[in-house]
């Protein structure tokens, strides 16, 4: 974010893309490591925290798919840094509003079962 803001202030716009790509690639490493940790046994360790076997299985099923979101969540932090660095935070505000509305609709339909 700081590097992007600096390049934006220096009017070196062509260097901003390089910083964003490097940021995504840099954050891809810990995201993939976290996926590997969860897939290779952390889930089993986590399951010992729960007394109920049903809860343990539900958590395990959830984490089996949720861990892949690490890649997108980490990449998203780079895009947030990009928009903050180029001083276009309005994009982030609109993005947050759209995400909240989509989440409400999907919660209403999928969690509470109101779409059939």
PDB file of N, CA and C in Angstrom:
ATOM      1  N   UNK A   1       0.833  -1.186   0.000  1.00  0.00           N
ATOM      2  CA  UNK A   1       0.000   0.000   0.000  1.00  0.00           C
ATOM      3  C   UNK A   1       0.880   1.253   0.000  1.00  0.00           C
ATOM      4  N   UNK A   2       1.886   1.255   0.823  1.00  0.00           N
ATOM      5  CA  UNK A   2       2.780   2.409   0.890  1.00  0.00           C
ATOM      6  C   UNK A   2       3.545   2.566  -0.412  1.00  0.00           C
ATOM      7  N   UNK A   3       4.056   1.460  -0.935  1.00  0.00           N
ATOM      8  CA  UNK A   3       4.800   1.521  -2.198  1.00  0.00           C
ATOM      9  C   UNK A   3       3.902   1.974  -3.342  1.00  0.00           C
ATOM     10  N   UNK A   4       2.680   1.484  -3.360  1.00  0.00           N
ATOM     11  CA  UNK A   4       1.733   1.884  -4.408  1.00  0.00           C
ATOM     12  C   UNK A   4       1.429   3.370  -4.289  1.00  0.00           C
ATOM     13  N   UNK A   5       1.182   3.833  -3.059  1.00  0.00           N
ATOM     14  CA  UNK A   5       0.927   5.253  -2.841  1.00  0.00           C
ATOM     15  C   UNK A   5       2.103   6.127  -3.249  1.00  0.00           C
ATOM     16  N   UNK A   6       3.303   5.652  -2.964  1.00  0.00           N
ATOM     17  CA  UNK A   6       4.498   6.411  -3.342  1.00  0.00           C
ATOM     18  C   UNK A   6       4.614   6.506  -4.863  1.00  0.00           C
ATOM     19  N   UNK A   7       4.455   5.375  -5.548  1.00  0.00           N
ATOM     20  CA  UNK A   7       4.548   5.386  -7.020  1.00  0.00           C
ATOM     21  C   UNK A   7       3.431   6.230  -7.630  1.00  0.00           C
ATOM     22  N   UNK A   8       2.266   6.211  -7.015  1.00  0.00           N
ATOM     23  CA  UNK A   8       1.161   7.036  -7.496  1.00  0.00           C
ATOM     24  C   UNK A   8       1.503   8.515  -7.334  1.00  0.00           C
ATOM     25  N   UNK A   9       2.058   8.883  -6.188  1.00  0.00           N
ATOM     26  CA  UNK A   9       2.453  10.272  -5.951  1.00  0.00           C
ATOM     27  C   UNK A   9       3.585  10.727  -6.854  1.00  0.00           C
ATOM     28  N   UNK A  10       4.461   9.803  -7.210  1.00  0.00           N
ATOM     29  CA  UNK A  10       5.578  10.123  -8.100  1.00  0.00           C
ATOM     30  C   UNK A  10       5.171  10.093  -9.576  1.00  0.00           C
ATOM     31  N   UNK A  11       3.913   9.777  -9.821  1.00  0.00           N
ATOM     32  CA  UNK A  11       3.372   9.670 -11.192  1.00  0.00           C
ATOM     33  C   UNK A  11       4.061   8.560 -11.997  1.00  0.00           C
ATOM     34  N   UNK A  12       4.557   7.552 -11.315  1.00  0.00           N
ATOM     35  CA  UNK A  12       5.175   6.392 -11.978  1.00  0.00           C
ATOM     36  C   UNK A  12       4.141   5.263 -12.034  1.00  0.00           C
ATOM     37  N   UNK A  13       3.083   5.529 -12.780  1.00  0.00           N
ATOM     38  CA  UNK A  13       1.942   4.618 -12.805  1.00  0.00           C
ATOM     39  C   UNK A  13       2.296   3.242 -13.361  1.00  0.00           C
ATOM     40  N   UNK A  14       3.253   3.194 -14.278  1.00  0.00           N
ATOM     41  CA  UNK A  14       3.627   1.917 -14.889  1.00  0.00           C
ATOM     42  C   UNK A  14       4.256   0.954 -13.877  1.00  0.00           C
ATOM     43  N   UNK A  15       4.772   1.464 -12.778  1.00  0.00           N
ATOM     44  CA  UNK A  15       5.386   0.608 -11.759  1.00  0.00           C
ATOM     45  C   UNK A  15       4.375   0.062 -10.756  1.00  0.00           C
ATOM     46  N   UNK A  16       3.188   0.635 -10.726  1.00  0.00           N
ATOM     47  CA  UNK A  16       2.182   0.195  -9.760  1.00  0.00           C
ATOM     48  C   UNK A  16       1.738  -1.235 -10.051  1.00  0.00           C
ATOM     49  N   UNK A  17       1.542  -1.546 -11.318  1.00  0.00           N
ATOM     50  CA  UNK A  17       1.121  -2.900 -11.684  1.00  0.00           C
ATOM     51  C   UNK A  17       2.123  -3.953 -11.257  1.00  0.00           C
ATOM     52  N   UNK A  18       3.398  -3.640 -11.399  1.00  0.00           N
ATOM     53  CA  UNK A  18       4.449  -4.575 -10.977  1.00  0.00           C
ATOM     54  C   UNK A  18       4.369  -4.839  -9.475  1.00  0.00           C
ATOM     55  N   UNK A  19       4.103  -3.790  -8.709  1.00  0.00           N
ATOM     56  CA  UNK A  19       4.003  -3.934  -7.253  1.00  0.00           C
ATOM     57  C   UNK A  19       2.802  -4.797  -6.891  1.00  0.00           C
ATOM     58  N   UNK A  20       1.679  -4.579  -7.572  1.00  0.00           N
ATOM     59  CA  UNK A  20       0.475  -5.361  -7.291  1.00  0.00           C
ATOM     60  C   UNK A  20       0.711  -6.836  -7.613  1.00  0.00           C
ATOM     61  N   UNK A  21       1.309  -7.116  -8.749  1.00  0.00           N
ATOM     62  CA  UNK A  21       1.578  -8.507  -9.130  1.00  0.00           C
ATOM     63  C   UNK A  21       2.536  -9.155  -8.132  1.00  0.00           C
ATOM     64  N   UNK A  22       3.580  -8.435  -7.744  1.00  0.00           N
ATOM     65  CA  UNK A  22       4.511  -8.976  -6.753  1.00  0.00           C
ATOM     66  C   UNK A  22       3.809  -9.230  -5.423  1.00  0.00           C
ATOM     67  N   UNK A  23       2.903  -8.331  -5.047  1.00  0.00           N
ATOM     68  CA  UNK A  23       2.156  -8.510  -3.806  1.00  0.00           C
ATOM     69  C   UNK A  23       1.286  -9.748  -3.839  1.00  0.00           C
ATOM     70  N   UNK A  24       0.610  -9.966  -4.964  1.00  0.00           N
ATOM     71  CA  UNK A  24      -0.234 -11.160  -5.097  1.00  0.00           C
ATOM     72  C   UNK A  24       0.624 -12.421  -5.033  1.00  0.00           C
ATOM     73  N   UNK A  25       1.730 -12.428  -5.766  1.00  0.00           N
ATOM     74  CA  UNK A  25       2.605 -13.606  -5.756  1.00  0.00           C
ATOM     75  C   UNK A  25       3.215 -13.837  -4.374  1.00  0.00           C
ATOM     76  N   UNK A  26       3.585 -12.755  -3.699  1.00  0.00           N
ATOM     77  CA  UNK A  26       4.149 -12.872  -2.358  1.00  0.00           C
ATOM     78  C   UNK A  26       3.130 -13.472  -1.391  1.00  0.00           C
ATOM     79  N   UNK A  27       1.881 -13.034  -1.466  1.00  0.00           N
ATOM     80  CA  UNK A  27       0.848 -13.532  -0.556  1.00  0.00           C
ATOM     81  C   UNK A  27       0.318 -14.899  -0.963  1.00  0.00           C
ATOM     82  N   UNK A  28       0.599 -15.302  -2.185  1.00  0.00           N
ATOM     83  CA  UNK A  28       0.196 -16.637  -2.622  1.00  0.00           C
ATOM     84  C   UNK A  28       0.933 -17.716  -1.829  1.00  0.00           C
ATOM     85  N   UNK A  29       2.165 -17.450  -1.461  1.00  0.00           N
ATOM     86  CA  UNK A  29       2.973 -18.425  -0.714  1.00  0.00           C
ATOM     87  C   UNK A  29       2.351 -18.752   0.647  1.00  0.00           C
ATOM     88  N   UNK A  30       2.056 -17.759   1.514  1.00  0.00           N
ATOM     89  CA  UNK A  30       1.438 -18.131   2.796  1.00  0.00           C
ATOM     90  C   UNK A  30       0.038 -18.725   2.629  1.00  0.00           C
ATOM     91  N   UNK A  31      -0.692 -18.290   1.607  1.00  0.00           N
ATOM     92  CA  UNK A  31      -2.019 -18.868   1.380  1.00  0.00           C
ATOM     93  C   UNK A  31      -1.904 -20.352   1.055  1.00  0.00           C
ATOM     94  N   UNK A  32      -0.984 -20.702   0.175  1.00  0.00           N
ATOM     95  CA  UNK A  32      -0.791 -22.111  -0.176  1.00  0.00           C
ATOM     96  C   UNK A  32      -0.248 -22.912   1.007  1.00  0.00           C
ATOM     97  N   UNK A  33       0.604 -22.294   1.810  1.00  0.00           N
ATOM     98  CA  UNK A  33       1.098 -22.979   3.008  1.00  0.00           C
ATOM     99  C   UNK A  33      -0.031 -23.255   3.997  1.00  0.00           C
ATOM    100  N   UNK A  34      -0.919 -22.284   4.178  1.00  0.00           N
ATOM    101  CA  UNK A  34      -2.058 -22.498   5.072  1.00  0.00           C
ATOM    102  C   UNK A  34      -2.974 -23.604   4.559  1.00  0.00           C
ATOM    103  N   UNK A  35      -3.189 -23.638   3.256  1.00  0.00           N
ATOM    104  CA  UNK A  35      -4.004 -24.710   2.680  1.00  0.00           C
ATOM    105  C   UNK A  35      -3.352 -26.059   2.967  1.00  0.00           C
ATOM    106  N   UNK A  36      -2.049 -26.142   2.755  1.00  0.00           N
ATOM    107  CA  UNK A  36      -1.338 -27.402   3.004  1.00  0.00           C
ATOM    108  C   UNK A  36      -1.430 -27.804   4.474  1.00  0.00           C
ATOM    109  N   UNK A  37      -1.265 -26.844   5.377  1.00  0.00           N
ATOM    110  CA  UNK A  37      -1.345 -27.142   6.809  1.00  0.00           C
ATOM    111  C   UNK A  37      -2.724 -27.683   7.161  1.00  0.00           C
ATOM    112  N   UNK A  38      -3.770 -27.045   6.656  1.00  0.00           N
ATOM    113  CA  UNK A  38      -5.120 -27.502   6.965  1.00  0.00           C
ATOM    114  C   UNK A  38      -5.412 -28.860   6.344  1.00  0.00           C
ATOM    115  N   UNK A  39      -4.937 -29.081   5.140  1.00  0.00           N
ATOM    116  CA  UNK A  39      -5.213 -30.341   4.452  1.00  0.00           C
ATOM    117  C   UNK A  39      -4.391 -31.507   5.004  1.00  0.00           C
ATOM    118  N   UNK A  40      -3.220 -31.221   5.544  1.00  0.00           N
ATOM    119  CA  UNK A  40      -2.323 -32.292   5.985  1.00  0.00           C
ATOM    120  C   UNK A  40      -2.398 -32.590   7.479  1.00  0.00           C
ATOM    121  N   UNK A  41      -3.466 -32.186   8.121  1.00  0.00           N
ATOM    122  CA  UNK A  41      -3.590 -32.639   9.491  1.00  0.00           C
ATOM    123  C   UNK A  41      -4.045 -31.647  10.525  1.00  0.00           C
ATOM    124  N   UNK A  42      -4.032 -30.368  10.222  1.00  0.00           N
ATOM    125  CA  UNK A  42      -4.476 -29.419  11.237  1.00  0.00           C
ATOM    126  C   UNK A  42      -5.946 -29.622  11.557  1.00  0.00           C
ATOM    127  N   UNK A  43      -6.705 -30.070  10.573  1.00  0.00           N
ATOM    128  CA  UNK A  43      -8.131 -30.317  10.794  1.00  0.00           C
ATOM    129  C   UNK A  43      -8.313 -31.390  11.858  1.00  0.00           C
ATOM    130  N   UNK A  44      -7.483 -32.430  11.822  1.00  0.00           N
ATOM    131  CA  UNK A  44      -7.572 -33.483  12.838  1.00  0.00           C
ATOM    132  C   UNK A  44      -7.264 -32.937  14.228  1.00  0.00           C
ATOM    133  N   UNK A  45      -6.264 -32.084  14.311  1.00  0.00           N
ATOM    134  CA  UNK A  45      -5.917 -31.464  15.587  1.00  0.00           C
ATOM    135  C   UNK A  45      -7.050 -30.567  16.065  1.00  0.00           C
ATOM    136  N   UNK A  46      -7.633 -29.824  15.155  1.00  0.00           N
ATOM    137  CA  UNK A  46      -8.732 -28.924  15.499  1.00  0.00           C
ATOM    138  C   UNK A  46      -9.949 -29.697  15.997  1.00  0.00           C
ATOM    139  N   UNK A  47     -10.163 -30.887  15.466  1.00  0.00           N
ATOM    140  CA  UNK A  47     -11.328 -31.678  15.837  1.00  0.00           C
ATOM    141  C   UNK A  47     -11.289 -32.114  17.300  1.00  0.00           C
ATOM    142  N   UNK A  48     -10.112 -32.183  17.881  1.00  0.00           N
ATOM    143  CA  UNK A  48      -9.989 -32.576  19.287  1.00  0.00           C
ATOM    144  C   UNK A  48     -10.535 -31.505  20.231  1.00  0.00           C
ATOM    145  N   UNK A  49     -10.774 -30.313  19.707  1.00  0.00           N
ATOM    146  CA  UNK A  49     -11.313 -29.233  20.534  1.00  0.00           C
ATOM    147  C   UNK A  49     -12.801 -29.395  20.815  1.00  0.00           C
ATOM    148  N   UNK A  50     -13.474 -30.211  20.026  1.00  0.00           N
ATOM    149  CA  UNK A  50     -14.924 -30.334  20.136  1.00  0.00           C
ATOM    150  C   UNK A  50     -15.300 -31.651  20.792  1.00  0.00           C
ATOM    151  N   UNK A  51     -16.243 -31.584  21.722  1.00  0.00           N
ATOM    152  CA  UNK A  51     -16.728 -32.798  22.375  1.00  0.00           C
ATOM    153  C   UNK A  51     -17.696 -33.553  21.481  1.00  0.00           C
ATOM    154  N   UNK A  52     -18.487 -32.834  20.731  1.00  0.00           N
ATOM    155  CA  UNK A  52     -19.493 -33.454  19.874  1.00  0.00           C
ATOM    156  C   UNK A  52     -18.865 -33.907  18.563  1.00  0.00           C
ATOM    157  N   UNK A  53     -19.078 -35.162  18.232  1.00  0.00           N
ATOM    158  CA  UNK A  53     -18.560 -35.677  16.966  1.00  0.00           C
ATOM    159  C   UNK A  53     -19.281 -35.037  15.781  1.00  0.00           C
ATOM    160  N   UNK A  54     -20.568 -34.724  15.957  1.00  0.00           N
ATOM    161  CA  UNK A  54     -21.321 -34.066  14.880  1.00  0.00           C
ATOM    162  C   UNK A  54     -20.754 -32.683  14.569  1.00  0.00           C
ATOM    163  N   UNK A  55     -20.415 -31.946  15.619  1.00  0.00           N
ATOM    164  CA  UNK A  55     -19.829 -30.620  15.425  1.00  0.00           C
ATOM    165  C   UNK A  55     -18.461 -30.757  14.762  1.00  0.00           C
ATOM    166  N   UNK A  56     -17.678 -31.708  15.209  1.00  0.00           N
ATOM    167  CA  UNK A  56     -16.356 -31.939  14.618  1.00  0.00           C
ATOM    168  C   UNK A  56     -16.455 -32.238  13.133  1.00  0.00           C
ATOM    169  N   UNK A  57     -17.403 -33.089  12.759  1.00  0.00           N
ATOM    170  CA  UNK A  57     -17.580 -33.431  11.348  1.00  0.00           C
ATOM    171  C   UNK A  57     -18.044 -32.228  10.541  1.00  0.00           C
ATOM    172  N   UNK A  58     -18.946 -31.424  11.122  1.00  0.00           N
ATOM    173  CA  UNK A  58     -19.432 -30.234  10.417  1.00  0.00           C
ATOM    174  C   UNK A  58     -18.298 -29.231  10.203  1.00  0.00           C
ATOM    175  N   UNK A  59     -17.472 -29.043  11.230  1.00  0.00           N
ATOM    176  CA  UNK A  59     -16.332 -28.132  11.104  1.00  0.00           C
ATOM    177  C   UNK A  59     -15.359 -28.653  10.056  1.00  0.00           C
ATOM    178  N   UNK A  60     -15.104 -29.941  10.079  1.00  0.00           N
ATOM    179  CA  UNK A  60     -14.192 -30.544   9.104  1.00  0.00           C
ATOM    180  C   UNK A  60     -14.715 -30.386   7.681  1.00  0.00           C
ATOM    181  N   UNK A  61     -16.007 -30.655   7.487  1.00  0.00           N
ATOM    182  CA  UNK A  61     -16.606 -30.489   6.157  1.00  0.00           C
ATOM    183  C   UNK A  61     -16.517 -29.045   5.690  1.00  0.00           C
ATOM    184  N   UNK A  62     -16.770 -28.110   6.603  1.00  0.00           N
ATOM    185  CA  UNK A  62     -16.705 -26.691   6.261  1.00  0.00           C
ATOM    186  C   UNK A  62     -15.283 -26.290   5.872  1.00  0.00           C
ATOM    187  N   UNK A  63     -14.317 -26.707   6.677  1.00  0.00           N
ATOM    188  CA  UNK A  63     -12.928 -26.316   6.421  1.00  0.00           C
ATOM    189  C   UNK A  63     -12.354 -26.968   5.173  1.00  0.00           C
ATOM    190  N   UNK A  64     -12.875 -28.148   4.811  1.00  0.00           N
ATOM    191  CA  UNK A  64     -12.392 -28.805   3.593  1.00  0.00           C
ATOM    192  C   UNK A  64     -12.553 -27.905   2.378  1.00  0.00           C
ATOM    193  N   UNK A  65     -13.613 -27.124   2.355  1.00  0.00           N
ATOM    194  CA  UNK A  65     -13.844 -26.224   1.216  1.00  0.00           C
ATOM    195  C   UNK A  65     -13.379 -24.809   1.501  1.00  0.00           C
ATOM    196  N   UNK A  66     -13.491 -24.384   2.746  1.00  0.00           N
ATOM    197  CA  UNK A  66     -13.194 -22.994   3.093  1.00  0.00           C
ATOM    198  C   UNK A  66     -11.720 -22.645   2.929  1.00  0.00           C
ATOM    199  N   UNK A  67     -10.843 -23.608   3.106  1.00  0.00           N
ATOM    200  CA  UNK A  67      -9.413 -23.310   3.041  1.00  0.00           C
ATOM    201  C   UNK A  67      -9.001 -22.776   1.674  1.00  0.00           C
ATOM    202  N   UNK A  68      -9.723 -23.143   0.626  1.00  0.00           N
ATOM    203  CA  UNK A  68      -9.373 -22.645  -0.704  1.00  0.00           C
ATOM    204  C   UNK A  68      -9.647 -21.147  -0.832  1.00  0.00           C
ATOM    205  N   UNK A  69     -10.447 -20.622   0.057  1.00  0.00           N
ATOM    206  CA  UNK A  69     -10.717 -19.191   0.067  1.00  0.00           C
ATOM    207  C   UNK A  69      -9.529 -18.360   0.511  1.00  0.00           C
ATOM    208  N   UNK A  70      -8.532 -19.003   1.140  1.00  0.00           N
ATOM    209  CA  UNK A  70      -7.337 -18.266   1.553  1.00  0.00           C
ATOM    210  C   UNK A  70      -6.673 -17.571   0.368  1.00  0.00           C
ATOM    211  N   UNK A  71      -6.602 -18.250  -0.755  1.00  0.00           N
ATOM    212  CA  UNK A  71      -5.959 -17.669  -1.940  1.00  0.00           C
ATOM    213  C   UNK A  71      -6.672 -16.379  -2.336  1.00  0.00           C
ATOM    214  N   UNK A  72      -7.994 -16.419  -2.385  1.00  0.00           N
ATOM    215  CA  UNK A  72      -8.766 -15.256  -2.801  1.00  0.00           C
ATOM    216  C   UNK A  72      -8.756 -14.160  -1.738  1.00  0.00           C
ATOM    217  N   UNK A  73      -8.804 -14.546  -0.476  1.00  0.00           N
ATOM    218  CA  UNK A  73      -8.765 -13.551   0.599  1.00  0.00           C
ATOM    219  C   UNK A  73      -7.425 -12.821   0.621  1.00  0.00           C
ATOM    220  N   UNK A  74      -6.344 -13.553   0.418  1.00  0.00           N
ATOM    221  CA  UNK A  74      -5.028 -12.929   0.408  1.00  0.00           C
ATOM    222  C   UNK A  74      -4.866 -12.032  -0.818  1.00  0.00           C
ATOM    223  N   UNK A  75      -5.350 -12.487  -1.961  1.00  0.00           N
ATOM    224  CA  UNK A  75      -5.286 -11.653  -3.171  1.00  0.00           C
ATOM    225  C   UNK A  75      -6.138 -10.398  -2.987  1.00  0.00           C
ATOM    226  N   UNK A  76      -7.279 -10.548  -2.326  1.00  0.00           N
ATOM    227  CA  UNK A  76      -8.156  -9.406  -2.079  1.00  0.00           C
ATOM    228  C   UNK A  76      -7.451  -8.336  -1.253  1.00  0.00           C
ATOM    229  N   UNK A  77      -6.622  -8.744  -0.313  1.00  0.00           N
ATOM    230  CA  UNK A  77      -5.910  -7.746   0.489  1.00  0.00           C
ATOM    231  C   UNK A  77      -4.953  -6.924  -0.378  1.00  0.00           C
ATOM    232  N   UNK A  78      -4.408  -7.545  -1.422  1.00  0.00           N
ATOM    233  CA  UNK A  78      -3.544  -6.803  -2.343  1.00  0.00           C
ATOM    234  C   UNK A  78      -4.355  -5.787  -3.139  1.00  0.00           C
ATOM    235  N   UNK A  79      -5.538  -6.179  -3.577  1.00  0.00           N
ATOM    236  CA  UNK A  79      -6.379  -5.238  -4.318  1.00  0.00           C
ATOM    237  C   UNK A  79      -6.850  -4.094  -3.426  1.00  0.00           C
ATOM    238  N   UNK A  80      -7.119  -4.383  -2.154  1.00  0.00           N
ATOM    239  CA  UNK A  80      -7.473  -3.313  -1.220  1.00  0.00           C
ATOM    240  C   UNK A  80      -6.312  -2.329  -1.090  1.00  0.00           C
ATOM    241  N   UNK A  81      -5.104  -2.862  -0.966  1.00  0.00           N
ATOM    242  CA  UNK A  81      -3.919  -2.001  -0.874  1.00  0.00           C
ATOM    243  C   UNK A  81      -3.769  -1.166  -2.138  1.00  0.00           C
ATOM    244  N   UNK A  82      -4.077  -1.758  -3.292  1.00  0.00           N
ATOM    245  CA  UNK A  82      -3.992  -1.029  -4.561  1.00  0.00           C
ATOM    246  C   UNK A  82      -4.933   0.170  -4.566  1.00  0.00           C
ATOM    247  N   UNK A  83      -6.197  -0.058  -4.237  1.00  0.00           N
ATOM    248  CA  UNK A  83      -7.161   1.040  -4.290  1.00  0.00           C
ATOM    249  C   UNK A  83      -6.895   2.098  -3.222  1.00  0.00           C
ATOM    250  N   UNK A  84      -6.421   1.690  -2.068  1.00  0.00           N
ATOM    251  CA  UNK A  84      -6.048   2.674  -1.052  1.00  0.00           C
ATOM    252  C   UNK A  84      -4.824   3.451  -1.516  1.00  0.00           C
ATOM    253  N   UNK A  85      -3.861   2.748  -2.103  1.00  0.00           N
ATOM    254  CA  UNK A  85      -2.627   3.387  -2.565  1.00  0.00           C
ATOM    255  C   UNK A  85      -2.839   4.393  -3.676  1.00  0.00           C
ATOM    256  N   UNK A  86      -3.830   4.148  -4.549  1.00  0.00           N
ATOM    257  CA  UNK A  86      -4.094   5.107  -5.625  1.00  0.00           C
ATOM    258  C   UNK A  86      -5.189   6.098  -5.233  1.00  0.00           C
ATOM    259  N   UNK A  87      -5.580   6.070  -3.963  1.00  0.00           N
ATOM    260  CA  UNK A  87      -6.555   7.012  -3.395  1.00  0.00           C
ATOM    261  C   UNK A  87      -7.920   6.918  -4.065  1.00  0.00           C
ATOM    262  N   UNK A  88      -8.365   5.693  -4.355  1.00  0.00           N
ATOM    263  CA  UNK A  88      -9.703   5.477  -4.914  1.00  0.00           C
ATOM    264  C   UNK A  88     -10.488   4.572  -3.977  1.00  0.00           C
ATOM    265  N   UNK A  89     -10.673   5.038  -2.761  1.00  0.00           N
ATOM    266  CA  UNK A  89     -11.332   4.223  -1.745  1.00  0.00           C
ATOM    267  C   UNK A  89     -12.831   4.094  -1.980  1.00  0.00           C
ATOM    268  N   UNK A  90     -13.386   4.911  -2.864  1.00  0.00           N
ATOM    269  CA  UNK A  90     -14.809   4.793  -3.187  1.00  0.00           C
ATOM    270  C   UNK A  90     -15.107   3.413  -3.774  1.00  0.00           C
ATOM    271  N   UNK A  91     -14.170   2.868  -4.526  1.00  0.00           N
ATOM    272  CA  UNK A  91     -14.329   1.528  -5.096  1.00  0.00           C
ATOM    273  C   UNK A  91     -14.502   0.505  -3.975  1.00  0.00           C
ATOM    274  N   UNK A  92     -13.731   0.647  -2.904  1.00  0.00           N
ATOM    275  CA  UNK A  92     -13.824  -0.279  -1.780  1.00  0.00           C
ATOM    276  C   UNK A  92     -15.154  -0.144  -1.053  1.00  0.00           C
ATOM    277  N   UNK A  93     -15.650   1.079  -0.941  1.00  0.00           N
ATOM    278  CA  UNK A  93     -16.943   1.299  -0.302  1.00  0.00           C
ATOM    279  C   UNK A  93     -18.054   0.637  -1.098  1.00  0.00           C
ATOM    280  N   UNK A  94     -18.051   0.834  -2.399  1.00  0.00           N
ATOM    281  CA  UNK A  94     -19.067   0.215  -3.259  1.00  0.00           C
ATOM    282  C   UNK A  94     -18.948  -1.301  -3.193  1.00  0.00           C
ATOM    283  N   UNK A  95     -17.723  -1.804  -3.235  1.00  0.00           N
ATOM    284  CA  UNK A  95     -17.495  -3.241  -3.144  1.00  0.00           C
ATOM    285  C   UNK A  95     -18.054  -3.805  -1.837  1.00  0.00           C
ATOM    286  N   UNK A  96     -17.817  -3.121  -0.735  1.00  0.00           N
ATOM    287  CA  UNK A  96     -18.313  -3.583   0.562  1.00  0.00           C
ATOM    288  C   UNK A  96     -19.832  -3.599   0.602  1.00  0.00           C
ATOM    289  N   UNK A  97     -20.463  -2.579   0.039  1.00  0.00           N
ATOM    290  CA  UNK A  97     -21.925  -2.533   0.010  1.00  0.00           C
ATOM    291  C   UNK A  97     -22.502  -3.664  -0.835  1.00  0.00           C
ATOM    292  N   UNK A  98     -21.915  -3.899  -1.993  1.00  0.00           N
ATOM    293  CA  UNK A  98     -22.394  -4.982  -2.861  1.00  0.00           C
ATOM    294  C   UNK A  98     -22.211  -6.331  -2.169  1.00  0.00           C
ATOM    295  N   UNK A  99     -21.055  -6.535  -1.541  1.00  0.00           N
ATOM    296  CA  UNK A  99     -20.816  -7.799  -0.837  1.00  0.00           C
ATOM    297  C   UNK A  99     -21.820  -8.002   0.291  1.00  0.00           C
ATOM    298  N   UNK A 100     -22.123  -6.950   1.036  1.00  0.00           N
ATOM    299  CA  UNK A 100     -23.077  -7.063   2.138  1.00  0.00           C
ATOM    300  C   UNK A 100     -24.467  -7.398   1.619  1.00  0.00           C
ATOM    301  N   UNK A 101     -24.888  -6.753   0.528  1.00  0.00           N
ATOM    302  CA  UNK A 101     -26.208  -7.036  -0.035  1.00  0.00           C
ATOM    303  C   UNK A 101     -26.300  -8.457  -0.580  1.00  0.00           C
ATOM    304  N   UNK A 102     -25.286  -8.889  -1.288  1.00  0.00           N
ATOM    305  CA  UNK A 102     -25.273 -10.263  -1.809  1.00  0.00           C
ATOM    306  C   UNK A 102     -25.288 -11.254  -0.653  1.00  0.00           C
ATOM    307  N   UNK A 103     -24.531 -10.966   0.387  1.00  0.00           N
ATOM    308  CA  UNK A 103     -24.504 -11.840   1.554  1.00  0.00           C
ATOM    309  C   UNK A 103     -25.881 -11.937   2.205  1.00  0.00           C
ATOM    310  N   UNK A 104     -26.571 -10.810   2.325  1.00  0.00           N
ATOM    311  CA  UNK A 104     -27.915 -10.826   2.907  1.00  0.00           C
ATOM    312  C   UNK A 104     -28.874 -11.674   2.082  1.00  0.00           C
ATOM    313  N   UNK A 105     -28.842 -11.501   0.777  1.00  0.00           N
ATOM    314  CA  UNK A 105     -29.737 -12.264  -0.100  1.00  0.00           C
ATOM    315  C   UNK A 105     -29.418 -13.754  -0.014  1.00  0.00           C
ATOM    316  N   UNK A 106     -28.142 -14.097  -0.085  1.00  0.00           N
ATOM    317  CA  UNK A 106     -27.766 -15.509  -0.020  1.00  0.00           C
ATOM    318  C   UNK A 106     -28.060 -16.119   1.348  1.00  0.00           C
ATOM    319  N   UNK A 107     -27.849 -15.360   2.421  1.00  0.00           N
ATOM    320  CA  UNK A 107     -28.212 -15.851   3.754  1.00  0.00           C
ATOM    321  C   UNK A 107     -29.704 -16.128   3.834  1.00  0.00           C
ATOM    322  N   UNK A 108     -30.494 -15.188   3.350  1.00  0.00           N
ATOM    323  CA  UNK A 108     -31.947 -15.330   3.370  1.00  0.00           C
ATOM    324  C   UNK A 108     -32.381 -16.586   2.620  1.00  0.00           C
ATOM    325  N   UNK A 109     -31.766 -16.805   1.469  1.00  0.00           N
ATOM    326  CA  UNK A 109     -32.179 -17.928   0.645  1.00  0.00           C
ATOM    327  C   UNK A 109     -31.554 -19.252   1.011  1.00  0.00           C
ATOM    328  N   UNK A 110     -30.268 -19.256   1.300  1.00  0.00           N
ATOM    329  CA  UNK A 110     -29.570 -20.525   1.494  1.00  0.00           C
ATOM    330  C   UNK A 110     -29.521 -20.975   2.955  1.00  0.00           C
ATOM    331  N   UNK A 111     -29.304 -20.058   3.867  1.00  0.00           N
ATOM    332  CA  UNK A 111     -29.229 -20.445   5.277  1.00  0.00           C
ATOM    333  C   UNK A 111     -30.625 -20.641   5.854  1.00  0.00           C
ATOM    334  N   UNK A 112     -31.513 -19.695   5.565  1.00  0.00           N
ATOM    335  CA  UNK A 112     -32.852 -19.771   6.129  1.00  0.00           C
ATOM    336  C   UNK A 112     -33.826 -20.516   5.228  1.00  0.00           C
ATOM    337  N   UNK A 113     -33.377 -20.924   4.052  1.00  0.00           N
ATOM    338  CA  UNK A 113     -34.183 -21.770   3.175  1.00  0.00           C
ATOM    339  C   UNK A 113     -35.399 -21.102   2.575  1.00  0.00           C
ATOM    340  N   UNK A 114     -35.337 -19.816   2.336  1.00  0.00           N
ATOM    341  CA  UNK A 114     -36.507 -19.105   1.825  1.00  0.00           C
ATOM    342  C   UNK A 114     -36.584 -19.056   0.306  1.00  0.00           C
ATOM    343  N   UNK A 115     -35.686 -19.728  -0.387  1.00  0.00           N
ATOM    344  CA  UNK A 115     -35.759 -19.789  -1.850  1.00  0.00           C
ATOM    345  C   UNK A 115     -36.241 -21.152  -2.324  1.00  0.00           C
ATOM    346  N   UNK A 116     -36.830 -21.896  -1.428  1.00  0.00           N
ATOM    347  CA  UNK A 116     -37.377 -23.199  -1.819  1.00  0.00           C
ATOM    348  C   UNK A 116     -36.594 -24.251  -1.244  1.00  0.00           C
TER     349      UNK A 116
END
